[in-house]
Protein backbone atom coordinates (compact mmCIF):
# COMPACT_ATOMS: atom_id res chain seq x y z
CA MET A 1 60.42 78.07 239.68
CA ASP A 2 59.73 75.55 236.97
CA ASN A 3 59.12 76.36 233.30
CA ILE A 4 55.35 76.07 233.54
CA THR A 5 55.24 78.54 236.40
CA ILE A 6 57.48 80.95 234.43
CA PHE A 7 55.15 80.82 231.43
CA VAL A 8 51.97 81.43 233.47
CA VAL A 9 53.58 84.38 235.31
CA PHE A 10 54.83 85.85 231.99
CA SER A 11 51.48 85.32 230.25
CA SER A 12 49.61 86.95 233.09
CA ALA A 13 51.88 89.92 233.02
CA PHE A 14 51.51 90.18 229.28
CA GLU A 15 47.71 90.12 229.55
CA LEU A 16 47.81 92.77 232.24
CA GLU A 17 49.88 94.96 229.96
CA LYS A 18 47.39 94.40 227.17
CA GLU A 19 44.50 95.57 229.25
CA GLN A 20 46.44 98.70 230.40
CA ARG A 21 47.07 99.56 226.77
CA ARG A 22 43.38 99.21 226.02
CA MET A 23 42.78 101.82 228.73
CA ILE A 24 45.03 104.36 227.10
CA LYS A 25 43.38 106.35 224.31
CA LYS A 26 44.99 108.94 222.04
CA LYS A 27 42.62 111.50 220.59
CA GLU A 28 44.86 112.51 217.63
CA GLY A 29 46.80 109.36 216.97
CA PHE A 30 50.54 109.78 216.41
CA GLU A 31 52.04 113.07 215.31
CA GLY A 32 53.11 112.84 211.70
CA GLN A 33 51.15 109.66 210.97
CA LYS A 34 49.50 109.04 207.65
CA MET A 35 47.14 106.44 206.32
CA ILE A 36 44.98 105.53 203.30
CA VAL A 37 42.17 102.95 203.41
CA LEU A 38 40.89 102.04 199.99
CA PRO A 39 37.08 101.97 199.57
CA HIS A 40 35.36 98.56 199.31
CA SER A 41 34.26 99.28 195.75
CA ILE A 42 37.88 99.95 194.69
CA VAL A 43 39.19 96.77 196.40
CA HIS A 44 36.48 94.81 194.66
CA MET A 45 37.67 96.30 191.32
CA LEU A 46 41.24 95.33 192.15
CA GLU A 47 40.11 91.73 192.82
CA LYS A 48 38.69 91.58 189.32
CA ASP A 49 41.48 93.31 187.36
CA PRO A 50 43.89 90.79 185.86
CA ILE A 51 46.89 93.12 186.61
CA THR A 52 46.01 93.72 190.25
CA ALA A 53 44.16 90.54 191.16
CA PRO A 54 47.35 88.59 192.08
CA ILE A 55 48.34 91.13 194.72
CA HIS A 56 47.05 94.51 195.79
CA ILE A 57 46.92 96.92 198.70
CA THR A 58 43.79 97.51 200.82
CA ASP A 59 45.35 99.75 203.54
CA ILE A 60 48.64 101.54 203.87
CA GLY A 61 50.12 103.86 206.46
CA TYR A 62 53.02 105.09 208.66
CA TYR A 63 53.01 105.57 212.44
CA PRO A 64 56.02 107.50 213.83
CA GLU A 65 57.01 107.01 217.44
CA ALA A 66 53.67 105.25 218.04
CA ARG A 67 53.57 105.27 221.85
CA TYR A 68 50.76 103.07 223.22
CA HIS A 69 50.08 101.63 219.73
CA PHE A 70 48.25 98.38 220.24
CA ARG A 71 46.02 96.15 218.05
CA GLU A 72 44.32 92.80 218.78
CA ARG A 73 42.13 90.96 216.31
CA LYS A 74 40.65 87.82 217.83
CA ASN A 75 39.37 86.64 214.45
CA GLY A 76 42.36 87.93 212.63
CA CYS A 77 42.23 90.17 209.58
CA LYS A 78 41.04 89.41 206.05
CA GLN A 79 44.33 90.59 204.55
CA TYR A 80 48.02 89.81 205.12
CA ILE A 81 49.65 92.56 207.24
CA LEU A 82 53.23 93.59 206.69
CA ILE A 83 54.79 95.73 209.40
CA PHE A 84 58.30 97.19 208.97
CA CYS A 85 59.91 98.73 212.04
CA THR A 86 62.54 101.46 211.35
CA GLU A 87 63.03 102.83 214.83
CA GLY A 88 62.21 101.91 218.37
CA LYS A 89 60.89 98.57 219.58
CA GLY A 90 57.68 96.63 219.54
CA TRP A 91 56.29 93.04 219.67
CA PHE A 92 53.75 90.79 218.10
CA LYS A 93 51.92 87.72 219.26
CA LEU A 94 50.69 84.71 217.25
CA GLY A 95 49.23 81.74 219.13
CA ASP A 96 51.13 81.40 222.39
CA ARG A 97 54.37 82.90 221.12
CA ILE A 98 55.51 86.44 221.54
CA TYR A 99 58.14 87.88 219.18
CA ASN A 100 60.27 90.99 219.94
CA VAL A 101 60.67 93.52 217.07
CA SER A 102 63.69 95.88 216.74
CA PRO A 103 64.78 98.41 214.13
CA ASP A 104 65.13 96.97 210.65
CA ASN A 105 62.85 94.10 211.53
CA TYR A 106 59.71 93.18 209.59
CA PHE A 107 57.04 90.58 209.92
CA ILE A 108 53.90 89.49 208.06
CA LEU A 109 50.80 88.35 209.81
CA PRO A 110 48.65 85.82 207.95
CA PRO A 111 44.90 86.37 207.50
CA ASP A 112 42.14 84.96 209.73
CA VAL A 113 44.52 84.19 212.60
CA HIS A 114 44.21 85.59 216.12
CA HIS A 115 47.03 88.07 216.60
CA SER A 116 48.02 91.21 218.54
CA TYR A 117 50.93 93.64 218.28
CA GLY A 118 52.05 96.88 219.76
CA ALA A 119 54.77 99.38 220.60
CA ASP A 120 57.24 99.11 223.40
CA ASP A 121 56.17 101.30 226.25
CA ASN A 122 59.54 102.89 226.83
CA VAL A 123 60.99 103.01 223.29
CA PRO A 124 57.94 103.03 220.91
CA TRP A 125 58.45 101.80 217.39
CA SER A 126 58.00 103.81 214.15
CA ILE A 127 56.44 101.53 211.54
CA PHE A 128 55.54 101.43 207.91
CA TRP A 129 52.63 99.06 207.36
CA ILE A 130 50.56 97.60 204.49
CA HIS A 131 47.54 95.37 204.32
CA PHE A 132 47.59 93.34 201.07
CA LYS A 133 45.70 90.44 199.56
CA GLY A 134 45.30 88.65 196.21
CA SER A 135 45.62 85.25 194.61
CA SER A 136 49.47 85.32 194.93
CA ALA A 137 49.64 86.83 198.42
CA ILE A 138 49.95 83.41 200.12
CA HIS A 139 53.28 82.78 198.31
CA PHE A 140 54.90 85.78 200.06
CA SER A 141 53.65 84.63 203.46
CA ASN A 142 54.83 81.09 202.84
CA LYS A 143 58.26 82.37 201.80
CA LEU A 144 58.65 84.29 205.06
CA ASN A 145 57.00 81.54 207.18
CA VAL A 146 56.96 84.07 209.99
CA ILE A 147 54.87 81.89 212.35
CA ASN A 148 57.79 79.50 212.82
CA GLN A 149 60.40 82.20 213.37
CA ILE A 150 61.30 83.55 216.72
CA HIS A 151 62.81 86.80 215.32
CA PRO A 152 61.89 88.65 212.10
CA VAL A 153 64.55 88.97 209.44
CA LYS A 154 67.03 91.84 209.58
CA PHE A 155 68.27 93.73 206.51
CA GLY A 156 69.74 97.05 205.24
CA THR A 157 68.95 99.45 202.32
CA THR A 158 66.29 101.08 204.51
CA ASP A 159 66.28 104.46 202.74
CA ASP A 160 65.55 103.03 199.30
CA ARG A 161 62.83 100.84 200.71
CA ILE A 162 61.18 103.80 202.34
CA GLN A 163 61.38 105.75 199.09
CA LEU A 164 59.58 102.84 197.37
CA PHE A 165 56.93 102.83 200.10
CA GLU A 166 56.49 106.62 199.55
CA GLU A 167 56.15 106.01 195.86
CA ILE A 168 53.23 103.70 196.52
CA TYR A 169 51.61 105.99 199.10
CA GLN A 170 51.84 109.10 196.98
CA THR A 171 50.45 107.27 193.93
CA LEU A 172 47.38 106.23 195.90
CA ASP A 173 47.17 109.74 197.52
CA ASN A 174 46.78 111.10 194.03
CA GLY A 175 43.49 109.22 193.59
CA TYR A 176 42.16 105.88 192.50
CA SER A 177 42.54 106.07 188.68
CA ILE A 178 43.07 102.81 186.89
CA ASP A 179 46.67 103.74 186.11
CA ASN A 180 47.40 104.68 189.76
CA LEU A 181 45.96 101.49 191.11
CA GLN A 182 47.73 99.27 188.66
CA TYR A 183 51.02 101.14 189.16
CA ALA A 184 50.72 100.90 192.98
CA SER A 185 49.99 97.18 192.78
CA MET A 186 53.05 96.62 190.55
CA CYS A 187 55.19 98.66 192.88
CA LEU A 188 53.91 96.48 195.76
CA TRP A 189 55.58 93.47 194.00
CA HIS A 190 58.85 95.44 194.04
CA PHE A 191 58.37 96.51 197.70
CA LEU A 192 57.69 92.96 198.89
CA SER A 193 60.57 91.59 196.86
CA SER A 194 62.92 94.09 198.54
CA PHE A 195 62.27 92.07 201.77
CA PHE A 196 62.60 88.65 200.33
CA PHE A 197 65.47 89.19 197.87
CA VAL A 198 67.65 91.63 199.81
CA ASN A 199 70.82 90.88 197.73
CA HIS A 200 68.96 91.60 194.53
CA PHE A 201 67.26 94.80 195.64
CA LYS A 202 68.36 97.53 193.23
CA HIS A 203 68.65 101.17 194.18
CA TYR A 204 66.90 102.50 191.18
CA LEU A 205 63.83 104.64 191.81
CA TYR A 206 62.73 106.70 189.01
CA GLU A 207 61.00 110.11 189.38
CA LYS A 208 57.63 110.35 187.69
CA LYS A 209 57.52 112.65 184.72
CA HIS A 210 55.20 115.62 185.07
CA ASP A 211 52.55 115.35 182.41
CA ILE A 212 49.11 116.92 182.08
CA ILE A 213 47.49 114.44 184.45
CA ASN A 214 50.00 115.03 187.24
CA GLN A 215 49.67 118.74 186.69
CA THR A 216 45.88 118.45 186.99
CA ILE A 217 46.09 116.35 190.18
CA ASP A 218 48.51 118.84 191.78
CA TYR A 219 46.07 121.61 190.93
CA PHE A 220 43.20 119.60 192.39
CA LYS A 221 45.14 119.02 195.64
CA LYS A 222 46.16 122.68 195.97
CA ASN A 223 42.51 123.69 195.52
CA ILE A 224 40.89 120.89 197.51
CA SER A 225 38.71 123.37 199.47
CA ARG A 226 37.22 124.90 196.38
CA ASN A 227 34.46 124.00 193.99
CA LEU A 228 36.20 123.97 190.66
CA LEU A 229 34.54 124.15 187.27
CA LEU A 230 35.70 122.18 184.28
CA LYS A 231 36.27 125.37 182.22
CA GLU A 232 38.45 126.84 185.04
CA ILE A 233 40.57 123.62 185.22
CA SER A 234 41.06 123.32 181.48
CA GLY A 235 41.90 127.06 181.21
CA HIS A 236 44.58 126.68 183.84
CA LEU A 237 46.21 124.10 181.59
CA GLY A 238 45.65 126.13 178.40
CA LEU A 239 43.29 123.57 176.79
CA SER A 240 39.65 123.55 175.72
CA ALA A 241 37.21 121.94 178.16
CA SER A 242 36.20 119.16 175.79
CA HIS A 243 39.79 118.31 174.72
CA PHE A 244 41.08 118.31 178.33
CA SER A 245 38.13 116.27 179.51
CA ASN A 246 38.70 113.57 176.84
CA ILE A 247 42.47 113.34 177.69
CA PHE A 248 41.79 113.12 181.45
CA ARG A 249 39.04 110.47 181.13
CA ASN A 250 41.11 108.31 178.73
CA LYS A 251 44.04 108.39 181.15
CA THR A 252 42.30 107.93 184.50
CA GLY A 253 38.98 106.38 183.70
CA TYR A 254 37.12 109.20 185.38
CA ALA A 255 35.75 112.63 184.33
CA PRO A 256 37.83 115.45 185.85
CA ILE A 257 35.16 116.67 188.23
CA GLU A 258 34.32 113.10 189.39
CA TYR A 259 38.06 112.52 190.05
CA PHE A 260 38.21 115.81 192.06
CA SER A 261 35.26 114.64 194.14
CA ARG A 262 37.05 111.41 194.90
CA LEU A 263 40.13 113.22 195.97
CA LYS A 264 37.98 115.27 198.29
CA ILE A 265 36.47 112.17 199.89
CA GLN A 266 39.93 110.65 200.19
CA ARG A 267 41.04 113.76 202.04
CA ALA A 268 37.86 113.52 204.16
CA CYS A 269 38.89 110.02 205.20
CA GLN A 270 42.28 111.26 206.29
CA TYR A 271 40.57 114.00 208.39
CA LEU A 272 38.24 111.32 209.99
CA ASP A 273 41.17 109.03 210.67
CA LEU A 274 43.69 111.52 211.98
CA THR A 275 41.81 114.39 213.56
CA ASP A 276 38.83 115.10 215.84
CA LEU A 277 37.13 117.39 213.35
CA ARG A 278 33.38 117.02 213.09
CA VAL A 279 31.63 116.03 209.86
CA LYS A 280 30.32 119.58 209.44
CA GLU A 281 33.85 121.00 209.80
CA ILE A 282 35.30 118.59 207.35
CA SER A 283 32.64 119.21 204.77
CA SER A 284 33.34 122.93 205.02
CA LEU A 285 37.08 122.44 204.68
CA LEU A 286 36.43 120.52 201.50
CA GLY A 287 34.12 123.10 199.90
CA TYR A 288 30.81 121.49 200.69
CA ASP A 289 28.35 124.06 202.00
CA ASP A 290 25.77 121.36 202.84
CA PRO A 291 27.12 118.68 205.20
CA TYR A 292 24.16 116.39 204.31
CA TYR A 293 25.13 116.49 200.66
CA PHE A 294 28.78 115.87 201.70
CA SER A 295 27.61 112.77 203.68
CA ARG A 296 25.70 111.42 200.59
CA VAL A 297 28.79 111.88 198.34
CA PHE A 298 30.93 110.21 201.01
CA ASN A 299 28.54 107.23 201.31
CA LYS A 300 28.33 106.88 197.57
CA ILE A 301 32.16 106.56 197.18
CA MET A 302 33.09 104.86 200.45
CA GLY A 303 29.99 102.62 200.94
CA ASP A 304 29.48 104.01 204.47
CA SER A 305 28.59 107.16 206.32
CA PRO A 306 31.38 109.47 207.66
CA ARG A 307 30.45 108.66 211.25
CA ASN A 308 30.44 104.85 210.72
CA TYR A 309 33.73 105.08 208.85
CA LYS A 310 35.35 106.98 211.69
CA LYS A 311 34.40 104.26 214.19
CA LYS A 312 36.20 101.51 212.29
CA LYS A 313 39.64 100.51 213.51
CA LYS A 314 42.45 100.66 210.95
CA GLY A 315 46.10 99.79 210.88
């Protein structure tokens, strides 16, 4: 059998496997998965901010033991996609070339290029992934030059890198304050550099100090199903409502109740992405008695209805 015949047989088998993966649907995704998709309005703000414009996150997530995970984008994606495999196996395809992915491998997919990727059927991968963009993003892709590589690069120091990923994720999970967004973007520089400058990657990750803002956000998240009043929140912290409101707005750029609403919608997105809960059930879990009002708040913050948001493919 000549080389041309071998390629045709292999390609046909690969296309058949792709079609089989399309037929498999998982109602609840992957157990233990997590994901954050930033609203278009926030991404637009990141594009304009001089600190975040060079490089910033649009989507971030983790898929453990992602059996039957498969994505194909015929027109590519508008962002660069970094995928870091920590366990199991997978693959990705660019053009006519297929690359195998093993533990401690990573790769970056360039924007606007037809690609596909997925987990191995027998030993599915666990992956951390980030969609990022910005005026400097192209330099990271050029440095990796993944399109011309048969195998992604291997490296160690996995635990520290995952801790840094968690730092970024938890910062965004605490809401889209100006400080959080800028901090996450600056951490992204560190995260990406840990792949490209392995020998220089330091093992210093500092714990965040607990201040009044962190205490407030923790209180918000523990009471996400309630309708909190400003007086109740400030009283919990031992401050007057006006003084607390001024401190919070100066630090985050949002009034406390508005920030709380955005955290609720962020949690709603996670319910929509990771569960089969209906809109009415999600609104009730988040303390909205009227699902129509919940939908209006969701649309105002996310720029889309809950139902349309749920239909979009992420990751």
